[in-house]
Protein backbone atom coordinates (compact mmCIF):
# COMPACT_ATOMS: atom_id res chain seq x y z
CA MET A 1 0.00 0.00 0.00
CA SER A 2 1.52 3.31 -1.02
CA VAL A 3 1.40 6.48 1.04
CA GLU A 4 -1.02 8.06 -1.44
CA ASP A 5 -3.66 5.37 -1.10
CA SER A 6 -3.29 4.59 2.59
CA LYS A 7 -5.65 5.77 5.27
CA GLY A 8 -5.79 5.05 8.93
CA ILE A 9 -8.98 4.24 10.78
CA SER A 10 -9.66 4.53 14.45
CA ILE A 11 -12.19 2.25 16.10
CA ASN A 12 -13.41 1.72 19.61
CA ILE A 13 -14.08 -1.82 20.76
CA MET A 14 -15.04 -2.54 24.34
CA GLY A 15 -13.85 0.83 25.56
CA LYS A 16 -10.44 0.65 23.92
CA GLN A 17 -9.33 2.76 20.99
CA HIS A 18 -7.51 0.95 18.18
CA GLN A 19 -5.74 2.33 15.11
CA PHE A 20 -5.45 0.38 11.87
CA ALA A 21 -3.79 1.20 8.58
CA CYS A 22 -5.78 0.41 5.46
CA SER A 23 -6.35 1.69 1.96
CA ALA A 24 -8.88 4.45 1.46
CA GLU A 25 -11.07 1.95 -0.43
CA GLN A 26 -11.16 -0.40 2.56
CA ALA A 27 -11.75 2.21 5.26
CA GLU A 28 -15.56 2.41 5.24
CA ASN A 29 -16.09 -1.36 5.11
CA LEU A 30 -13.55 -1.92 7.88
CA LYS A 31 -15.30 0.68 10.04
CA GLN A 32 -18.62 -1.10 9.46
CA ALA A 33 -17.05 -4.46 10.32
CA ALA A 34 -15.49 -3.00 13.47
CA ASN A 35 -18.80 -1.45 14.51
CA ARG A 36 -20.50 -4.81 14.02
CA LEU A 37 -17.85 -6.54 16.12
CA ALA A 38 -18.11 -3.89 18.83
CA ALA A 39 -21.90 -4.23 18.96
CA MET A 40 -21.65 -8.02 19.18
CA CYS A 41 -19.09 -7.78 21.98
CA ASN A 42 -21.24 -5.31 23.89
CA ASP A 43 -24.30 -7.56 23.53
CA ILE A 44 -22.34 -10.59 24.71
CA LYS A 45 -20.85 -8.64 27.61
CA GLN A 46 -24.38 -7.68 28.74
CA GLN A 47 -25.43 -11.33 29.07
CA PRO A 48 -25.43 -12.90 32.51
CA GLY A 49 -22.32 -14.91 33.21
CA SER A 50 -20.08 -12.93 30.88
CA LYS A 51 -16.88 -12.44 32.81
CA SER A 52 -14.32 -10.64 30.69
CA SER A 53 -13.81 -8.58 27.58
CA GLU A 54 -11.54 -11.31 26.24
CA SER A 55 -14.24 -13.96 26.54
CA ALA A 56 -16.74 -11.62 24.85
CA LEU A 57 -14.27 -11.10 21.99
CA LEU A 58 -13.73 -14.85 21.73
CA VAL A 59 -17.46 -15.58 21.57
CA ALA A 60 -18.00 -12.79 19.01
CA SER A 61 -15.13 -14.12 16.91
CA LEU A 62 -16.53 -17.63 17.02
CA ASN A 63 -20.00 -16.35 16.06
CA LEU A 64 -18.57 -14.38 13.13
CA SER A 65 -16.46 -17.34 12.00
CA TYR A 66 -19.51 -19.60 12.13
CA SER A 67 -21.56 -17.10 10.11
CA LEU A 68 -18.79 -16.87 7.53
CA LEU A 69 -18.54 -20.66 7.30
CA MET A 70 -22.30 -20.97 6.77
CA ALA A 71 -22.20 -18.27 4.05
CA ASP A 72 -19.27 -20.01 2.35
CA ASN A 73 -21.15 -23.32 2.43
CA LYS A 74 -24.23 -21.68 0.94
CA ILE A 75 -22.17 -20.13 -1.87
CA GLU A 76 -20.59 -23.51 -2.57
CA ARG A 77 -24.03 -25.16 -2.79
CA TYR A 78 -25.20 -22.44 -5.21
CA GLN A 79 -22.08 -22.93 -7.32
CA GLN A 80 -22.62 -26.68 -7.44
CA GLY A 81 -26.24 -26.14 -8.50
CA HIS A 82 -25.11 -23.63 -11.12
CA ASN A 83 -22.52 -26.08 -12.46
CA ALA A 84 -25.12 -28.84 -12.61
CA LEU A 85 -27.49 -26.59 -14.57
CA LEU A 86 -24.70 -25.66 -16.98
CA ALA A 87 -23.85 -29.31 -17.51
CA THR A 88 -27.53 -30.08 -18.20
CA LEU A 89 -27.72 -27.23 -20.71
CA GLU A 90 -24.51 -28.32 -22.41
CA ASN A 91 -25.82 -31.88 -22.70
CA ALA A 92 -29.12 -30.62 -24.10
CA ILE A 93 -27.31 -28.52 -26.72
CA LYS A 94 -25.17 -31.49 -27.82
CA CYS A 95 -28.24 -33.65 -28.49
């Protein structure tokens, strides 16, 4: 990343300020992702039995990883269905 296209963002998660370097194109999406993570952590921290910020971050990370895995699996199923339809169309054209 060159100096011209770099931009720093500042986010607050669980009461702590964090600085990250990123490209100008990434800045808005990273802020949205950070805000989502912060909201998840705050929600988890509010639940009874939540003991530490670290455990809230761990649970939020696991929840986000699970959501990403489910989305990846869904995309893969769509791609497989798409490929099957293409194969059916190709076979129909050959006949």
